[in-house]
Amino acid sequence: MNAKHFLKLVARGNKQQLYRRF
């Protein structure tokens, strides 16, 4: 997973989606 992609997701505020992916 790229750090930039992670930052973009966090910036969008999609924390739920991120946690679901993990």
N, C-alpha and C. Protein backbone atom coordinates (compact mmCIF):
# COMPACT_ATOMS: atom_id res chain seq x y z
N MET A 1 0.84 -1.20 0.00
CA MET A 1 0.00 0.00 0.00
C MET A 1 0.88 1.26 0.00
N ASN A 2 0.54 2.19 -0.86
CA ASN A 2 1.34 3.42 -0.94
C ASN A 2 0.94 4.42 0.13
N ALA A 3 1.92 5.12 0.66
CA ALA A 3 1.65 6.12 1.72
C ALA A 3 0.78 7.24 1.17
N LYS A 4 1.03 7.62 -0.08
CA LYS A 4 0.24 8.71 -0.68
C LYS A 4 -1.23 8.32 -0.76
N HIS A 5 -1.47 7.10 -1.20
CA HIS A 5 -2.85 6.62 -1.31
C HIS A 5 -3.52 6.62 0.06
N PHE A 6 -2.77 6.18 1.05
CA PHE A 6 -3.30 6.13 2.43
C PHE A 6 -3.65 7.53 2.90
N LEU A 7 -2.74 8.48 2.65
CA LEU A 7 -2.99 9.87 3.06
C LEU A 7 -4.21 10.42 2.35
N LYS A 8 -4.35 10.09 1.08
CA LYS A 8 -5.50 10.60 0.32
C LYS A 8 -6.81 10.08 0.92
N LEU A 9 -6.83 8.79 1.25
CA LEU A 9 -8.04 8.21 1.84
C LEU A 9 -8.35 8.87 3.17
N VAL A 10 -7.33 9.07 3.97
CA VAL A 10 -7.53 9.70 5.29
C VAL A 10 -8.02 11.13 5.10
N ALA A 11 -7.44 11.83 4.13
CA ALA A 11 -7.84 13.22 3.88
C ALA A 11 -9.31 13.27 3.49
N ARG A 12 -9.76 12.28 2.74
CA ARG A 12 -11.16 12.25 2.33
C ARG A 12 -12.07 12.01 3.53
N GLY A 13 -11.54 11.31 4.51
CA GLY A 13 -12.35 11.03 5.70
C GLY A 13 -13.02 9.67 5.59
N ASN A 14 -12.43 8.78 4.78
CA ASN A 14 -13.00 7.44 4.63
C ASN A 14 -12.29 6.48 5.56
N LYS A 15 -12.34 6.77 6.85
CA LYS A 15 -11.65 5.91 7.82
C LYS A 15 -12.31 4.54 7.87
N GLN A 16 -13.63 4.49 7.77
CA GLN A 16 -14.34 3.21 7.83
C GLN A 16 -13.88 2.30 6.71
N GLN A 17 -13.75 2.83 5.51
CA GLN A 17 -13.32 2.00 4.38
C GLN A 17 -11.90 1.49 4.61
N LEU A 18 -11.03 2.36 5.13
CA LEU A 18 -9.65 1.95 5.37
C LEU A 18 -9.62 0.79 6.37
N TYR A 19 -10.36 0.96 7.46
CA TYR A 19 -10.36 -0.10 8.47
C TYR A 19 -10.93 -1.39 7.91
N ARG A 20 -11.92 -1.27 7.03
CA ARG A 20 -12.52 -2.47 6.44
C ARG A 20 -11.50 -3.18 5.56
N ARG A 21 -10.69 -2.40 4.87
CA ARG A 21 -9.67 -3.00 3.99
C ARG A 21 -8.67 -3.80 4.82
N PHE A 22 -8.30 -3.24 5.96
CA PHE A 22 -7.34 -3.95 6.82
C PHE A 22 -8.01 -5.17 7.43
